[in-house]
Each structure stands twice: as C-alpha cells, then as structure tokens.
Protein backbone atom coordinates (compact mmCIF):
# COMPACT_ATOMS: atom_id res chain seq x y z
CA MET A 1 79.16 135.32 148.94
CA ASN A 2 78.93 139.09 148.74
CA SER A 3 82.50 140.37 148.88
CA ILE A 4 85.79 139.24 147.41
CA CYS A 5 89.22 140.37 148.55
CA VAL A 6 91.91 140.71 145.90
CA PHE A 7 95.60 140.73 146.78
CA CYS A 8 97.93 141.91 144.01
CA GLY A 9 101.00 143.94 143.16
CA SER A 10 101.38 147.66 143.68
CA SER A 11 103.39 147.51 140.44
CA LEU A 12 102.09 146.68 136.97
CA GLY A 13 104.67 144.00 136.18
CA ASN A 14 106.52 143.82 132.88
CA ASP A 15 103.90 142.15 130.68
CA PRO A 16 100.59 143.78 129.63
CA ILE A 17 98.78 140.49 130.36
CA TYR A 18 98.96 141.24 134.10
CA GLN A 19 97.15 144.54 133.66
CA HIS A 20 94.62 142.93 131.32
CA MET A 21 93.79 140.21 133.86
CA ALA A 22 93.55 142.77 136.68
CA GLN A 23 91.02 144.71 134.59
CA ALA A 24 89.07 141.52 133.88
CA THR A 25 89.07 140.66 137.59
CA GLY A 26 87.66 143.99 138.76
CA GLN A 27 85.07 143.97 136.01
CA ALA A 28 83.95 140.38 136.69
CA ILE A 29 83.58 140.99 140.43
CA ALA A 30 81.51 144.12 139.79
CA GLU A 31 79.37 142.48 137.12
CA GLN A 32 78.46 139.69 139.55
CA GLY A 33 77.29 142.31 142.05
CA LYS A 34 80.07 141.54 144.52
CA THR A 35 81.97 144.09 146.57
CA LEU A 36 85.70 144.30 145.87
CA ILE A 37 87.83 144.47 149.01
CA TYR A 38 91.48 145.38 148.42
CA GLY A 39 94.49 147.25 149.78
CA GLY A 40 93.31 150.77 149.02
CA GLY A 41 96.09 151.92 146.69
CA ARG A 42 95.80 153.47 143.25
CA SER A 43 99.16 152.27 141.91
CA GLY A 44 100.00 149.11 140.01
CA LEU A 45 97.61 146.20 139.63
CA MET A 46 95.85 147.34 142.81
CA GLY A 47 94.71 150.52 141.10
CA VAL A 48 93.79 148.68 137.91
CA VAL A 49 91.53 146.21 139.73
CA ALA A 50 89.82 149.00 141.68
CA ASP A 51 89.35 151.29 138.68
CA SER A 52 87.98 148.45 136.59
CA ALA A 53 85.43 147.48 139.24
CA LEU A 54 84.38 151.11 139.69
CA LYS A 55 84.04 151.60 135.93
CA ALA A 56 81.75 148.55 135.81
CA GLY A 57 79.55 150.08 138.52
CA GLY A 58 80.88 148.01 141.39
CA ARG A 59 81.30 148.77 145.06
CA VAL A 60 84.98 149.01 146.04
CA VAL A 61 86.29 149.10 149.60
CA GLY A 62 89.94 149.92 150.22
CA ILE A 63 91.79 149.29 153.47
CA ILE A 64 95.19 150.92 153.84
CA PRO A 65 97.57 151.52 156.76
CA ASN A 66 98.21 155.15 157.65
CA ALA A 67 101.95 154.80 156.94
CA LEU A 68 101.22 153.75 153.34
CA VAL A 69 98.62 156.37 152.49
CA ASP A 70 101.19 158.70 150.93
CA ARG A 71 103.63 156.02 149.72
CA GLU A 72 100.98 153.99 147.89
CA LEU A 73 98.97 157.05 146.90
CA ALA A 74 95.70 156.00 148.49
CA HIS A 75 92.86 155.80 146.01
CA LYS A 76 90.49 158.72 146.65
CA GLY A 77 87.67 157.60 144.34
CA LEU A 78 86.55 154.46 146.16
CA THR A 79 83.13 153.69 147.54
CA GLU A 80 84.79 153.47 150.97
CA LEU A 81 88.40 153.90 152.13
CA TYR A 82 89.42 152.82 155.60
CA VAL A 83 92.73 154.11 156.96
CA VAL A 84 93.95 151.82 159.75
CA ASN A 85 96.91 151.96 162.12
CA ASN A 86 99.09 149.16 160.74
CA MET A 87 99.37 146.15 158.43
CA HIS A 88 97.95 143.79 161.06
CA GLU A 89 94.76 145.84 161.32
CA ARG A 90 94.58 146.02 157.52
CA LYS A 91 94.72 142.26 157.09
CA THR A 92 92.31 141.61 159.94
CA GLN A 93 89.77 144.03 158.52
CA MET A 94 90.18 142.58 155.01
CA SER A 95 89.60 139.11 156.40
CA GLU A 96 86.52 140.19 158.33
CA GLN A 97 84.94 142.02 155.38
CA ALA A 98 85.67 139.45 152.66
CA ASP A 99 83.93 136.17 151.89
CA ALA A 100 86.74 134.87 149.64
CA PHE A 101 90.31 135.74 148.62
CA ILE A 102 92.12 135.88 145.28
CA ALA A 103 95.83 136.41 144.68
CA LEU A 104 96.75 137.99 141.35
CA PRO A 105 100.42 138.35 140.44
CA GLY A 106 102.41 140.34 142.96
CA GLY A 107 105.44 140.25 145.20
CA ALA A 108 106.16 139.48 148.85
CA GLY A 109 103.15 141.38 150.19
CA THR A 110 100.71 139.57 147.91
CA LEU A 111 102.15 136.19 148.89
CA GLU A 112 102.15 137.02 152.58
CA GLU A 113 98.52 138.13 152.47
CA ILE A 114 97.13 135.12 150.62
CA PHE A 115 99.20 132.68 152.67
CA GLU A 116 97.93 134.18 155.92
CA GLN A 117 94.32 133.73 154.80
CA TRP A 118 95.02 130.18 153.65
CA THR A 119 96.66 129.44 157.02
CA TRP A 120 93.68 130.89 158.90
CA ASN A 121 91.43 128.66 156.79
CA GLN A 122 93.45 125.57 157.74
CA LEU A 123 93.29 126.49 161.43
CA GLY A 124 89.54 127.08 161.34
CA ILE A 125 89.78 130.81 162.07
CA HIS A 126 87.59 131.16 159.00
CA GLN A 127 86.35 128.79 156.30
CA LYS A 128 86.61 131.11 153.31
CA PRO A 129 88.08 130.00 149.97
CA CYS A 130 91.49 131.09 148.71
CA ALA A 131 92.43 131.24 145.03
CA PHE A 132 95.39 131.99 142.81
CA LEU A 133 94.69 133.65 139.46
CA ASN A 134 97.55 131.95 137.65
CA VAL A 135 98.12 134.52 134.91
CA ASP A 136 100.45 133.14 132.22
CA GLY A 137 101.78 130.48 134.62
CA PHE A 138 102.86 133.07 137.20
CA TYR A 139 102.14 130.73 140.12
CA ASP A 140 103.21 127.41 138.52
CA ASP A 141 106.40 127.05 140.55
CA LEU A 142 104.71 128.13 143.77
CA ILE A 143 101.96 125.54 143.32
CA LYS A 144 104.61 122.87 142.69
CA MET A 145 106.35 123.89 145.91
CA ILE A 146 103.07 123.72 147.85
CA GLN A 147 102.37 120.27 146.41
CA GLY A 148 105.91 119.27 147.38
CA SER A 149 105.19 120.22 150.98
CA VAL A 150 102.53 117.49 151.00
CA ALA A 151 104.94 114.92 149.58
CA ARG A 152 107.47 115.84 152.28
CA GLY A 153 104.95 115.62 155.11
CA PHE A 154 104.61 119.32 155.97
CA SER A 155 101.15 119.95 154.54
CA GLN A 156 98.00 117.90 154.38
CA SER A 157 96.59 117.18 150.95
CA ARG A 158 93.06 118.25 151.90
CA PHE A 159 94.26 121.83 152.38
CA VAL A 160 96.23 121.92 149.15
CA ASP A 161 93.33 120.35 147.27
CA GLN A 162 90.96 123.10 148.47
CA LEU A 163 93.11 125.85 146.94
CA ILE A 164 91.55 127.14 143.76
CA VAL A 165 94.06 127.67 140.96
CA ALA A 166 92.91 128.88 137.54
CA ASN A 167 94.00 131.21 134.75
CA ASP A 168 90.50 132.62 134.26
CA ILE A 169 88.71 134.86 136.76
CA ASN A 170 85.27 133.50 135.87
CA GLU A 171 86.44 129.97 136.62
CA ILE A 172 87.53 131.14 140.07
CA LEU A 173 84.25 132.92 140.74
CA THR A 174 82.33 129.79 139.71
CA ALA A 175 84.50 127.66 142.00
CA PHE A 176 83.75 130.04 144.88
CA SER A 177 80.03 129.39 144.46
CA THR A 178 80.49 125.63 144.98
CA TYR A 179 83.34 125.76 147.51
CA GLN A 180 83.32 123.22 150.35
CA PRO A 181 85.89 123.88 153.11
CA ALA A 182 88.11 121.13 154.44
CA VAL A 183 87.97 120.02 158.05
CA PRO A 184 90.30 122.41 159.95
CA LYS A 185 93.67 121.09 161.03
CA TRP A 186 93.03 120.54 164.72
CA MET A 187 89.33 119.66 164.55
CA SER A 188 87.37 116.51 163.90
CA VAL A 189 84.28 116.25 161.73
CA ASP A 190 82.22 115.72 164.93
CA GLU A 191 83.49 119.00 166.41
CA ILE A 192 82.52 120.90 163.26
CA GLN A 193 79.01 119.44 163.19
CA ALA A 194 78.43 120.24 166.88
C-alpha cells in the first residue's frame, strides 16, 4: 500500500480537534512513506492535511476540477497537482491513484466521495479499504444508520464489517496493512479465485 486518499472538509469545522486530527493524519501518512492523494485545495481540513504531510516530508498529490481551482484556491505547493475537467474525472483519478481511502470530518462532498469508493468496493470495481476517522464521535450516527441498513435488509453485513472505523489515524493505518476484502456483491468465491 503506497498511497492513501483522504476525503475531508474544505472548512475547518467549529472545534480545534478537527484541525488537530487532520494534522495528525497528514503527518502519519508522510511518516509511513505513503503518498497522500486528496482533492487539491488549500482551504479547510483539506489544506491542513496537505500542509501537514508536506511539512513531514511527504509526497502530496492533489486532484481538482477546473471549475473549483479558483473557488477552492488550489494548493500551489504540492508535489503534483492535476487539474481535471469535472468531479467525475477527479473521483476516478483519485480512485485509480489510491490504495486506500479515509474520510475525515466533512460535509456532503466528503460523504459522497467515501460512499462511492465503498460502493465500488462492494461491486468489485476495486478491493481497496475504506475507513472513517471518527473524530470525537463525528461519524457515530452515520455508522448506526449503516448498521441499521443491514438490520433492515438493504446492506450485507460483510460489507459493513469491512469498513474501518477508528478515532486514531495510526489504528486505521495498521488496519489497512492487514485488510482482507469481502467477496464482492455479485461474485462467488470461486469467481474471485479464478
């Protein structure tokens, strides 16, 4: 596992703990010699994660749609910055370049991005791990809702069980190193082994 994609808010949030955990995330990824893949902005938690990884000597790759370059104030100090045509290209390129995905606190965009990667994992488009850095219980209610979707017959427990949820970035990085993907939704074990 050489590269880790982080999805997070383009705002800082209203509690310093979010910024602290974003700094810890960027630093931990860099210190493990991994490349940080992220949305390419310099605002909010996005900028904090990138700056922290860069400060720790890490390689940081940003991927940002052309329409958001000015609005999100694209980060000009990255190792690499790719400007793509639209959000679909951004997410596809992030998925192709990353070996794992982490959602820090954020809003609709963060949720949409991590859920797409988790969905692609379930469908067998990729078999990369997805994690939630549950800072100060930020994702508690969401995880309960996801677990409820199993109880109501809309999700399969093997996919929920493979989600990594922790309040410590090092715990997530350790879990990535031992991650075993579930059998994709429409495949059998025999098809995977073939």
